PDB file of N, CA and C in Angstrom:
ATOM      1  N   UNK A   1       0.857  -1.155   0.074  1.00  0.00           N
ATOM      2  CA  UNK A   1       0.038   0.092   0.015  1.00  0.00           C
ATOM      3  C   UNK A   1       0.860   1.256   0.051  1.00  0.00           C
ATOM      4  N   UNK A   2       0.626   2.157  -0.908  1.00  0.00           N
ATOM      5  CA  UNK A   2       1.538   3.315  -0.931  1.00  0.00           C
ATOM      6  C   UNK A   2       1.100   4.487   0.118  1.00  0.00           C
ATOM      7  N   UNK A   3       1.982   5.397   0.509  1.00  0.00           N
ATOM      8  CA  UNK A   3       1.468   6.082   1.573  1.00  0.00           C
ATOM      9  C   UNK A   3       0.536   6.999   1.350  1.00  0.00           C
ATOM     10  N   UNK A   4       0.290   7.444   0.212  1.00  0.00           N
ATOM     11  CA  UNK A   4      -0.789   8.148  -0.313  1.00  0.00           C
ATOM     12  C   UNK A   4      -2.050   7.616  -0.078  1.00  0.00           C
ATOM     13  N   UNK A   5      -2.308   6.274  -0.214  1.00  0.00           N
ATOM     14  CA  UNK A   5      -3.387   5.416  -0.080  1.00  0.00           C
ATOM     15  C   UNK A   5      -3.505   5.289   1.416  1.00  0.00           C
ATOM     16  N   UNK A   6      -2.514   5.082   2.282  1.00  0.00           N
ATOM     17  CA  UNK A   6      -2.612   5.053   3.731  1.00  0.00           C
ATOM     18  C   UNK A   6      -3.394   6.241   4.311  1.00  0.00           C
ATOM     19  N   UNK A   7      -2.771   7.373   3.785  1.00  0.00           N
ATOM     20  CA  UNK A   7      -3.391   8.651   4.302  1.00  0.00           C
ATOM     21  C   UNK A   7      -4.795   9.055   3.704  1.00  0.00           C
ATOM     22  N   UNK A   8      -5.282   8.585   2.532  1.00  0.00           N
ATOM     23  CA  UNK A   8      -6.401   9.076   2.170  1.00  0.00           C
ATOM     24  C   UNK A   8      -7.603   8.058   2.052  1.00  0.00           C
ATOM     25  N   UNK A   9      -7.272   6.904   2.254  1.00  0.00           N
ATOM     26  CA  UNK A   9      -8.361   5.826   2.211  1.00  0.00           C
ATOM     27  C   UNK A   9      -9.407   6.069   3.161  1.00  0.00           C
ATOM     28  N   UNK A  10      -8.932   6.206   4.471  1.00  0.00           N
ATOM     29  CA  UNK A  10     -10.217   6.311   5.490  1.00  0.00           C
ATOM     30  C   UNK A  10     -11.087   7.325   5.232  1.00  0.00           C
ATOM     31  N   UNK A  11     -10.537   8.558   4.926  1.00  0.00           N
ATOM     32  CA  UNK A  11     -11.470   9.727   4.739  1.00  0.00           C
ATOM     33  C   UNK A  11     -12.425   9.519   3.430  1.00  0.00           C
ATOM     34  N   UNK A  12     -11.725   8.874   2.571  1.00  0.00           N
ATOM     35  CA  UNK A  12     -12.379   8.915   1.236  1.00  0.00           C
ATOM     36  C   UNK A  12     -13.602   7.791   1.323  1.00  0.00           C
ATOM     37  N   UNK A  13     -13.379   6.784   2.300  1.00  0.00           N
ATOM     38  CA  UNK A  13     -14.440   5.639   2.867  1.00  0.00           C
ATOM     39  C   UNK A  13     -15.594   6.584   3.552  1.00  0.00           C
ATOM     40  N   UNK A  14     -15.200   7.432   4.369  1.00  0.00           N
ATOM     41  CA  UNK A  14     -16.154   8.130   5.102  1.00  0.00           C
ATOM     42  C   UNK A  14     -17.032   8.998   4.187  1.00  0.00           C
ATOM     43  N   UNK A  15     -16.439   9.566   3.201  1.00  0.00           N
ATOM     44  CA  UNK A  15     -17.042  10.320   2.148  1.00  0.00           C
ATOM     45  C   UNK A  15     -18.002   9.560   1.458  1.00  0.00           C
ATOM     46  N   UNK A  16     -17.698   8.368   1.038  1.00  0.00           N
ATOM     47  CA  UNK A  16     -18.514   7.418   0.263  1.00  0.00           C
ATOM     48  C   UNK A  16     -19.753   6.963   1.178  1.00  0.00           C
ATOM     49  N   UNK A  17     -19.449   6.512   2.345  1.00  0.00           N
ATOM     50  CA  UNK A  17     -20.480   5.963   3.256  1.00  0.00           C
ATOM     51  C   UNK A  17     -21.460   7.303   3.512  1.00  0.00           C
ATOM     52  N   UNK A  18     -20.869   8.268   3.763  1.00  0.00           N
ATOM     53  CA  UNK A  18     -22.102   9.603   3.996  1.00  0.00           C
ATOM     54  C   UNK A  18     -22.946   9.811   2.802  1.00  0.00           C
ATOM     55  N   UNK A  19     -22.274   9.777   1.562  1.00  0.00           N
ATOM     56  CA  UNK A  19     -23.129   9.862   0.242  1.00  0.00           C
ATOM     57  C   UNK A  19     -23.897   8.795   0.075  1.00  0.00           C
ATOM     58  N   UNK A  20     -23.448   7.523   0.395  1.00  0.00           N
ATOM     59  CA  UNK A  20     -24.394   6.397   0.435  1.00  0.00           C
ATOM     60  C   UNK A  20     -25.497   6.391   1.289  1.00  0.00           C
ATOM     61  N   UNK A  21     -25.299   6.612   2.668  1.00  0.00           N
ATOM     62  CA  UNK A  21     -26.308   6.645   3.613  1.00  0.00           C
ATOM     63  C   UNK A  21     -27.437   7.624   3.305  1.00  0.00           C
ATOM     64  N   UNK A  22     -27.008   8.869   2.956  1.00  0.00           N
ATOM     65  CA  UNK A  22     -28.069  10.017   2.801  1.00  0.00           C
ATOM     66  C   UNK A  22     -28.737   9.886   1.356  1.00  0.00           C
ATOM     67  N   UNK A  23     -27.993   9.405   0.471  1.00  0.00           N
ATOM     68  CA  UNK A  23     -28.428   9.053  -0.896  1.00  0.00           C
ATOM     69  C   UNK A  23     -29.595   7.659  -0.619  1.00  0.00           C
ATOM     70  N   UNK A  24     -29.339   6.922   0.083  1.00  0.00           N
ATOM     71  CA  UNK A  24     -30.627   5.798   0.434  1.00  0.00           C
ATOM     72  C   UNK A  24     -31.703   6.429   1.266  1.00  0.00           C
ATOM     73  N   UNK A  25     -31.406   7.464   2.144  1.00  0.00           N
ATOM     74  CA  UNK A  25     -32.405   8.145   2.747  1.00  0.00           C
ATOM     75  C   UNK A  25     -33.452   8.818   1.940  1.00  0.00           C
ATOM     76  N   UNK A  26     -32.512   9.523   0.774  1.00  0.00           N
ATOM     77  CA  UNK A  26     -33.465  10.134  -0.256  1.00  0.00           C
ATOM     78  C   UNK A  26     -34.238   9.080  -0.930  1.00  0.00           C
ATOM     79  N   UNK A  27     -34.048   7.966  -1.247  1.00  0.00           N
ATOM     80  CA  UNK A  27     -34.486   7.089  -2.199  1.00  0.00           C
ATOM     81  C   UNK A  27     -35.642   6.410  -1.197  1.00  0.00           C
ATOM     82  N   UNK A  28     -35.215   6.108   0.056  1.00  0.00           N
ATOM     83  CA  UNK A  28     -36.371   5.691   1.281  1.00  0.00           C
ATOM     84  C   UNK A  28     -37.489   6.698   1.138  1.00  0.00           C
ATOM     85  N   UNK A  29     -37.173   8.081   1.162  1.00  0.00           N
ATOM     86  CA  UNK A  29     -38.314   9.058   1.257  1.00  0.00           C
ATOM     87  C   UNK A  29     -39.015   9.416  -0.198  1.00  0.00           C
ATOM     88  N   UNK A  30     -38.593   8.733  -1.108  1.00  0.00           N
ATOM     89  CA  UNK A  30     -39.246   8.850  -2.620  1.00  0.00           C
ATOM     90  C   UNK A  30     -40.378   8.152  -2.610  1.00  0.00           C
ATOM     91  N   UNK A  31     -41.045   8.289  -3.724  1.00  0.00           N
ATOM     92  CA  UNK A  31     -42.117   7.302  -4.270  1.00  0.00           C
ATOM     93  C   UNK A  31     -41.784   5.907  -4.563  1.00  0.00           C
ATOM     94  N   UNK A  32     -40.401   6.078  -5.135  1.00  0.00           N
ATOM     95  CA  UNK A  32     -39.620   4.600  -5.548  1.00  0.00           C
ATOM     96  C   UNK A  32     -39.702   3.430  -4.446  1.00  0.00           C
ATOM     97  N   UNK A  33     -39.546   3.969  -3.171  1.00  0.00           N
ATOM     98  CA  UNK A  33     -39.543   2.883  -1.910  1.00  0.00           C
ATOM     99  C   UNK A  33     -40.846   2.236  -1.863  1.00  0.00           C
ATOM    100  N   UNK A  34     -41.842   3.018  -1.595  1.00  0.00           N
ATOM    101  CA  UNK A  34     -43.241   2.738  -1.415  1.00  0.00           C
ATOM    102  C   UNK A  34     -43.724   1.921  -2.697  1.00  0.00           C
ATOM    103  N   UNK A  35     -43.340   2.528  -3.872  1.00  0.00           N
ATOM    104  CA  UNK A  35     -43.737   1.828  -5.196  1.00  0.00           C
ATOM    105  C   UNK A  35     -43.184   0.339  -5.230  1.00  0.00           C
ATOM    106  N   UNK A  36     -41.962   0.255  -4.734  1.00  0.00           N
ATOM    107  CA  UNK A  36     -41.528  -1.366  -4.672  1.00  0.00           C
ATOM    108  C   UNK A  36     -42.063  -2.299  -3.496  1.00  0.00           C
ATOM    109  N   UNK A  37     -42.917  -1.277  -2.630  1.00  0.00           N
ATOM    110  CA  UNK A  37     -43.805  -2.441  -1.817  1.00  0.00           C
ATOM    111  C   UNK A  37     -42.928  -2.370  -0.559  1.00  0.00           C
ATOM    112  N   UNK A  38     -41.979  -1.639  -0.065  1.00  0.00           N
ATOM    113  CA  UNK A  38     -41.085  -1.504   0.905  1.00  0.00           C
ATOM    114  C   UNK A  38     -41.793  -0.504   1.990  1.00  0.00           C
ATOM    115  N   UNK A  39     -41.711  -0.783   3.271  1.00  0.00           N
ATOM    116  CA  UNK A  39     -42.283   0.346   4.294  1.00  0.00           C
ATOM    117  C   UNK A  39     -40.964   1.051   4.824  1.00  0.00           C
ATOM    118  N   UNK A  40     -41.498   2.083   5.534  1.00  0.00           N
ATOM    119  CA  UNK A  40     -40.363   3.009   6.275  1.00  0.00           C
ATOM    120  C   UNK A  40     -39.445   2.190   7.285  1.00  0.00           C
ATOM    121  N   UNK A  41     -40.238   1.111   8.048  1.00  0.00           N
ATOM    122  CA  UNK A  41     -39.527   0.381   9.006  1.00  0.00           C
ATOM    123  C   UNK A  41     -38.463  -0.396   8.231  1.00  0.00           C
ATOM    124  N   UNK A  42     -38.589  -0.950   7.039  1.00  0.00           N
ATOM    125  CA  UNK A  42     -37.683  -1.554   6.333  1.00  0.00           C
ATOM    126  C   UNK A  42     -36.425  -0.473   5.732  1.00  0.00           C
ATOM    127  N   UNK A  43     -36.946   0.542   5.692  1.00  0.00           N
ATOM    128  CA  UNK A  43     -35.921   1.585   5.292  1.00  0.00           C
ATOM    129  C   UNK A  43     -34.981   1.930   6.322  1.00  0.00           C
ATOM    130  N   UNK A  44     -35.856   2.133   7.489  1.00  0.00           N
ATOM    131  CA  UNK A  44     -34.757   2.135   8.671  1.00  0.00           C
ATOM    132  C   UNK A  44     -33.832   1.155   8.944  1.00  0.00           C
ATOM    133  N   UNK A  45     -34.308  -0.079   8.833  1.00  0.00           N
ATOM    134  CA  UNK A  45     -33.421  -1.176   8.919  1.00  0.00           C
ATOM    135  C   UNK A  45     -32.133  -1.017   7.820  1.00  0.00           C
ATOM    136  N   UNK A  46     -32.586  -0.648   6.667  1.00  0.00           N
ATOM    137  CA  UNK A  46     -31.287  -0.530   5.513  1.00  0.00           C
ATOM    138  C   UNK A  46     -30.499   0.631   5.841  1.00  0.00           C
ATOM    139  N   UNK A  47     -31.064   1.665   6.408  1.00  0.00           N
ATOM    140  CA  UNK A  47     -30.149   2.895   6.971  1.00  0.00           C
ATOM    141  C   UNK A  47     -29.191   2.394   7.998  1.00  0.00           C
ATOM    142  N   UNK A  48     -29.836   1.679   8.973  1.00  0.00           N
ATOM    143  CA  UNK A  48     -29.141   1.415  10.156  1.00  0.00           C
ATOM    144  C   UNK A  48     -27.953   0.391   9.850  1.00  0.00           C
ATOM    145  N   UNK A  49     -28.475  -0.643   9.072  1.00  0.00           N
ATOM    146  CA  UNK A  49     -27.401  -1.659   8.502  1.00  0.00           C
ATOM    147  C   UNK A  49     -26.320  -1.158   7.709  1.00  0.00           C
ATOM    148  N   UNK A  50     -26.548  -0.145   6.949  1.00  0.00           N
ATOM    149  CA  UNK A  50     -25.409   0.491   6.087  1.00  0.00           C
ATOM    150  C   UNK A  50     -24.537   1.342   6.825  1.00  0.00           C
ATOM    151  N   UNK A  51     -25.155   2.165   8.040  1.00  0.00           N
ATOM    152  CA  UNK A  51     -24.410   2.590   9.083  1.00  0.00           C
ATOM    153  C   UNK A  51     -23.536   1.735   9.766  1.00  0.00           C
ATOM    154  N   UNK A  52     -23.917   0.714  10.220  1.00  0.00           N
ATOM    155  CA  UNK A  52     -23.191  -0.378  10.939  1.00  0.00           C
ATOM    156  C   UNK A  52     -22.077  -0.841   9.935  1.00  0.00           C
ATOM    157  N   UNK A  53     -22.430  -1.298   8.650  1.00  0.00           N
ATOM    158  CA  UNK A  53     -21.311  -1.498   7.738  1.00  0.00           C
ATOM    159  C   UNK A  53     -20.255  -0.663   7.600  1.00  0.00           C
ATOM    160  N   UNK A  54     -20.684   0.671   7.508  1.00  0.00           N
ATOM    161  CA  UNK A  54     -19.629   1.623   7.456  1.00  0.00           C
ATOM    162  C   UNK A  54     -18.804   1.781   8.705  1.00  0.00           C
ATOM    163  N   UNK A  55     -19.274   1.749   9.743  1.00  0.00           N
ATOM    164  CA  UNK A  55     -18.499   1.703  10.874  1.00  0.00           C
ATOM    165  C   UNK A  55     -17.540   0.350  10.878  1.00  0.00           C
ATOM    166  N   UNK A  56     -18.049  -0.504  10.606  1.00  0.00           N
ATOM    167  CA  UNK A  56     -17.094  -1.982  10.320  1.00  0.00           C
ATOM    168  C   UNK A  56     -15.956  -1.810   9.542  1.00  0.00           C
ATOM    169  N   UNK A  57     -16.486  -1.250   8.437  1.00  0.00           N
ATOM    170  CA  UNK A  57     -15.317  -1.104   7.488  1.00  0.00           C
ATOM    171  C   UNK A  57     -14.215   0.063   7.884  1.00  0.00           C
ATOM    172  N   UNK A  58     -14.748   1.081   8.679  1.00  0.00           N
ATOM    173  CA  UNK A  58     -13.788   2.144   9.231  1.00  0.00           C
ATOM    174  C   UNK A  58     -12.787   1.274  10.243  1.00  0.00           C
ATOM    175  N   UNK A  59     -13.444   0.549  11.169  1.00  0.00           N
ATOM    176  CA  UNK A  59     -12.622  -0.173  12.086  1.00  0.00           C
ATOM    177  C   UNK A  59     -11.779  -1.433  11.415  1.00  0.00           C
ATOM    178  N   UNK A  60     -12.299  -1.933  10.352  1.00  0.00           N
ATOM    179  CA  UNK A  60     -11.305  -2.840   9.508  1.00  0.00           C
ATOM    180  C   UNK A  60     -10.033  -2.068   9.062  1.00  0.00           C
ATOM    181  N   UNK A  61     -10.345  -0.981   8.406  1.00  0.00           N
ATOM    182  CA  UNK A  61      -9.363  -0.083   8.003  1.00  0.00           C
ATOM    183  C   UNK A  61      -8.260   0.371   8.886  1.00  0.00           C
ATOM    184  N   UNK A  62      -8.800   0.788  10.131  1.00  0.00           N
ATOM    185  CA  UNK A  62      -7.658   1.118  11.101  1.00  0.00           C
ATOM    186  C   UNK A  62      -7.073  -0.052  11.663  1.00  0.00           C
ATOM    187  N   UNK A  63      -7.715  -1.085  11.799  1.00  0.00           N
ATOM    188  CA  UNK A  63      -6.846  -2.350  12.041  1.00  0.00           C
ATOM    189  C   UNK A  63      -5.709  -2.793  11.048  1.00  0.00           C
ATOM    190  N   UNK A  64      -6.274  -2.760   9.748  1.00  0.00           N
ATOM    191  CA  UNK A  64      -5.419  -2.743   8.654  1.00  0.00           C
ATOM    192  C   UNK A  64      -3.955  -2.006   8.862  1.00  0.00           C
ATOM    193  N   UNK A  65      -4.423  -0.459   8.976  1.00  0.00           N
ATOM    194  CA  UNK A  65      -3.451   0.277   9.050  1.00  0.00           C
ATOM    195  C   UNK A  65      -2.363   0.037  10.142  1.00  0.00           C
ATOM    196  N   UNK A  66      -2.870  -0.567  11.241  1.00  0.00           N
ATOM    197  CA  UNK A  66      -1.892  -0.817  12.315  1.00  0.00           C
ATOM    198  C   UNK A  66      -1.369  -2.211  12.204  1.00  0.00           C
ATOM    199  N   UNK A  67      -1.576  -2.959  11.101  1.00  0.00           N
ATOM    200  CA  UNK A  67      -1.005  -4.245  11.160  1.00  0.00           C
ATOM    201  C   UNK A  67       0.485  -4.084  10.237  1.00  0.00           C
ATOM    202  N   UNK A  68       1.211  -5.030  10.467  1.00  0.00           N
ATOM    203  CA  UNK A  68       2.498  -5.194   9.785  1.00  0.00           C
ATOM    204  C   UNK A  68       2.494  -5.025   8.518  1.00  0.00           C
ATOM    205  N   UNK A  69       1.405  -5.692   7.727  1.00  0.00           N
ATOM    206  CA  UNK A  69       1.445  -5.952   6.365  1.00  0.00           C
ATOM    207  C   UNK A  69       1.276  -4.640   5.693  1.00  0.00           C
ATOM    208  N   UNK A  70       0.197  -3.708   6.385  1.00  0.00           N
ATOM    209  CA  UNK A  70      -0.169  -2.546   5.574  1.00  0.00           C
ATOM    210  C   UNK A  70       0.574  -1.357   6.227  1.00  0.00           C
ATOM    211  N   UNK A  71       1.361  -1.382   7.214  1.00  0.00           N
ATOM    212  CA  UNK A  71       1.953  -0.402   7.872  1.00  0.00           C
ATOM    213  C   UNK A  71       3.032   0.287   7.095  1.00  0.00           C
ATOM    214  N   UNK A  72       3.261   1.575   7.243  1.00  0.00           N
ATOM    215  CA  UNK A  72       4.142   2.466   6.362  1.00  0.00           C
ATOM    216  C   UNK A  72       5.501   2.100   7.223  1.00  0.00           C
ATOM    217  N   UNK A  73       6.709   2.257   6.324  1.00  0.00           N
ATOM    218  CA  UNK A  73       7.998   2.047   6.926  1.00  0.00           C
ATOM    219  C   UNK A  73       8.511   3.549   7.492  1.00  0.00           C
ATOM    220  N   UNK A  74       7.769   4.462   7.331  1.00  0.00           N
ATOM    221  CA  UNK A  74       7.988   5.891   7.678  1.00  0.00           C
ATOM    222  C   UNK A  74       7.082   5.986   8.934  1.00  0.00           C
ATOM    223  N   UNK A  75       7.635   6.233  10.156  1.00  0.00           N
ATOM    224  CA  UNK A  75       6.994   6.433  11.246  1.00  0.00           C
ATOM    225  C   UNK A  75       5.909   7.779  11.250  1.00  0.00           C
ATOM    226  N   UNK A  76       6.320   8.633  10.539  1.00  0.00           N
ATOM    227  CA  UNK A  76       5.428   9.871  10.498  1.00  0.00           C
ATOM    228  C   UNK A  76       4.065   9.749   9.695  1.00  0.00           C
ATOM    229  N   UNK A  77       4.381   8.895   8.738  1.00  0.00           N
ATOM    230  CA  UNK A  77       3.139   8.338   7.645  1.00  0.00           C
ATOM    231  C   UNK A  77       2.428   7.549   8.501  1.00  0.00           C
ATOM    232  N   UNK A  78       3.095   6.428   9.146  1.00  0.00           N
ATOM    233  CA  UNK A  78       2.101   5.721  10.142  1.00  0.00           C
ATOM    234  C   UNK A  78       1.304   6.282  11.143  1.00  0.00           C
ATOM    235  N   UNK A  79       1.882   7.254  11.867  1.00  0.00           N
ATOM    236  CA  UNK A  79       1.154   8.131  12.613  1.00  0.00           C
ATOM    237  C   UNK A  79       0.039   8.956  12.074  1.00  0.00           C
ATOM    238  N   UNK A  80       0.272   9.491  11.142  1.00  0.00           N
ATOM    239  CA  UNK A  80      -0.779  10.273  10.383  1.00  0.00           C
ATOM    240  C   UNK A  80      -1.983   9.459   9.895  1.00  0.00           C
ATOM    241  N   UNK A  81      -1.587   8.181   9.292  1.00  0.00           N
ATOM    242  CA  UNK A  81      -2.589   7.480   8.792  1.00  0.00           C
ATOM    243  C   UNK A  81      -3.437   6.752   9.932  1.00  0.00           C
ATOM    244  N   UNK A  82      -2.782   6.404  11.076  1.00  0.00           N
ATOM    245  CA  UNK A  82      -3.559   6.158  12.320  1.00  0.00           C
ATOM    246  C   UNK A  82      -4.384   7.227  12.643  1.00  0.00           C
ATOM    247  N   UNK A  83      -3.994   8.489  12.953  1.00  0.00           N
ATOM    248  CA  UNK A  83      -4.726   9.499  13.326  1.00  0.00           C
ATOM    249  C   UNK A  83      -5.914   9.849  12.373  1.00  0.00           C
ATOM    250  N   UNK A  84      -5.701   9.752  11.224  1.00  0.00           N
ATOM    251  CA  UNK A  84      -6.905  10.137  10.137  1.00  0.00           C
ATOM    252  C   UNK A  84      -7.827   8.947  10.145  1.00  0.00           C
ATOM    253  N   UNK A  85      -7.378   7.723  10.376  1.00  0.00           N
ATOM    254  CA  UNK A  85      -8.319   6.580  10.589  1.00  0.00           C
ATOM    255  C   UNK A  85      -9.249   6.728  11.695  1.00  0.00           C
ATOM    256  N   UNK A  86      -8.654   7.040  12.747  1.00  0.00           N
ATOM    257  CA  UNK A  86      -9.483   7.415  14.036  1.00  0.00           C
ATOM    258  C   UNK A  86     -10.498   8.533  13.588  1.00  0.00           C
ATOM    259  N   UNK A  87      -9.840   9.547  13.001  1.00  0.00           N
ATOM    260  CA  UNK A  87     -10.895  10.700  12.632  1.00  0.00           C
ATOM    261  C   UNK A  87     -11.994  10.177  11.872  1.00  0.00           C
ATOM    262  N   UNK A  88     -11.739   9.323  10.843  1.00  0.00           N
ATOM    263  CA  UNK A  88     -12.855   9.019   9.755  1.00  0.00           C
ATOM    264  C   UNK A  88     -13.543   8.126  10.781  1.00  0.00           C
ATOM    265  N   UNK A  89     -13.185   7.084  11.688  1.00  0.00           N
ATOM    266  CA  UNK A  89     -14.131   6.369  12.294  1.00  0.00           C
ATOM    267  C   UNK A  89     -14.963   7.221  13.099  1.00  0.00           C
ATOM    268  N   UNK A  90     -14.670   8.325  13.920  1.00  0.00           N
ATOM    269  CA  UNK A  90     -15.313   9.233  14.625  1.00  0.00           C
ATOM    270  C   UNK A  90     -16.168  10.024  13.822  1.00  0.00           C
ATOM    271  N   UNK A  91     -15.869  10.192  12.751  1.00  0.00           N
ATOM    272  CA  UNK A  91     -16.790  10.972  11.728  1.00  0.00           C
ATOM    273  C   UNK A  91     -17.827  10.142  11.246  1.00  0.00           C
ATOM    274  N   UNK A  92     -17.548   9.031  11.076  1.00  0.00           N
ATOM    275  CA  UNK A  92     -18.529   8.021  10.405  1.00  0.00           C
ATOM    276  C   UNK A  92     -19.580   7.629  11.472  1.00  0.00           C
ATOM    277  N   UNK A  93     -19.030   7.464  12.775  1.00  0.00           N
ATOM    278  CA  UNK A  93     -20.140   7.417  13.947  1.00  0.00           C
ATOM    279  C   UNK A  93     -20.980   8.520  13.978  1.00  0.00           C
ATOM    280  N   UNK A  94     -20.374   9.838  14.197  1.00  0.00           N
ATOM    281  CA  UNK A  94     -21.077  11.094  14.544  1.00  0.00           C
ATOM    282  C   UNK A  94     -21.953  11.494  13.411  1.00  0.00           C
ATOM    283  N   UNK A  95     -21.361  11.554  12.142  1.00  0.00           N
ATOM    284  CA  UNK A  95     -22.119  12.315  10.903  1.00  0.00           C
ATOM    285  C   UNK A  95     -23.267  11.365  10.338  1.00  0.00           C
ATOM    286  N   UNK A  96     -23.014  10.020  10.644  1.00  0.00           N
ATOM    287  CA  UNK A  96     -24.235   9.025  10.169  1.00  0.00           C
ATOM    288  C   UNK A  96     -25.114   8.621  11.287  1.00  0.00           C
ATOM    289  N   UNK A  97     -25.114   9.101  12.675  1.00  0.00           N
ATOM    290  CA  UNK A  97     -25.799   8.828  13.411  1.00  0.00           C
ATOM    291  C   UNK A  97     -27.240   9.126  13.353  1.00  0.00           C
ATOM    292  N   UNK A  98     -27.512  10.195  12.984  1.00  0.00           N
ATOM    293  CA  UNK A  98     -28.825  10.703  12.776  1.00  0.00           C
ATOM    294  C   UNK A  98     -30.020   9.698  11.972  1.00  0.00           C
ATOM    295  N   UNK A  99     -29.432   8.913  11.269  1.00  0.00           N
ATOM    296  CA  UNK A  99     -30.132   7.969  10.487  1.00  0.00           C
ATOM    297  C   UNK A  99     -30.600   6.988  11.551  1.00  0.00           C
ATOM    298  N   UNK A 100     -30.013   6.622  12.674  1.00  0.00           N
ATOM    299  CA  UNK A 100     -30.558   5.796  13.733  1.00  0.00           C
ATOM    300  C   UNK A 100     -31.283   6.215  14.844  1.00  0.00           C
ATOM    301  N   UNK A 101     -31.256   7.736  14.850  1.00  0.00           N
ATOM    302  CA  UNK A 101     -31.915   8.352  16.152  1.00  0.00           C
ATOM    303  C   UNK A 101     -32.902   9.305  15.595  1.00  0.00           C
ATOM    304  N   UNK A 102     -33.169   9.760  14.480  1.00  0.00           N
ATOM    305  CA  UNK A 102     -34.185  10.626  14.050  1.00  0.00           C
ATOM    306  C   UNK A 102     -35.235  10.216  13.431  1.00  0.00           C
ATOM    307  N   UNK A 103     -36.125  10.973  13.038  1.00  0.00           N
ATOM    308  CA  UNK A 103     -37.353  10.754  12.204  1.00  0.00           C
ATOM    309  C   UNK A 103     -36.973  10.502  10.677  1.00  0.00           C
ATOM    310  N   UNK A 104     -37.625   9.774  10.239  1.00  0.00           N
ATOM    311  CA  UNK A 104     -37.377   9.846   8.433  1.00  0.00           C
ATOM    312  C   UNK A 104     -38.429  10.596   7.899  1.00  0.00           C
ATOM    313  N   UNK A 105     -38.149  11.050   6.725  1.00  0.00           N
ATOM    314  CA  UNK A 105     -39.003  11.585   5.815  1.00  0.00           C
ATOM    315  C   UNK A 105     -40.012  12.679   6.450  1.00  0.00           C
ATOM    316  N   UNK A 106     -39.229  13.680   7.128  1.00  0.00           N
ATOM    317  CA  UNK A 106     -40.154  14.818   7.791  1.00  0.00           C
ATOM    318  C   UNK A 106     -40.796  15.582   6.734  1.00  0.00           C
TER     319      UNK A 106
END
């Protein structure tokens, strides 16, 4: 894994998860969701499952960045990648939490 990937992948995954979760919420609140015969309860389940999957992916990335196989030979890059992995994990939990705690389709 190159150093630029070690540094950029966790934040990129957070951005993709953010877009996916809120895009899915838009689909759930549209007529397409109900037209497919799905309920808002199923939509909530899909949102929470996507949120949990995003958190699990961030944790897996953080563990991988700390492993010998994917660790950087440069201590500075290793520390930066670990810090950014932690930041991306916190951002994933915090910014996607409303899908699990607030009302849908206001």
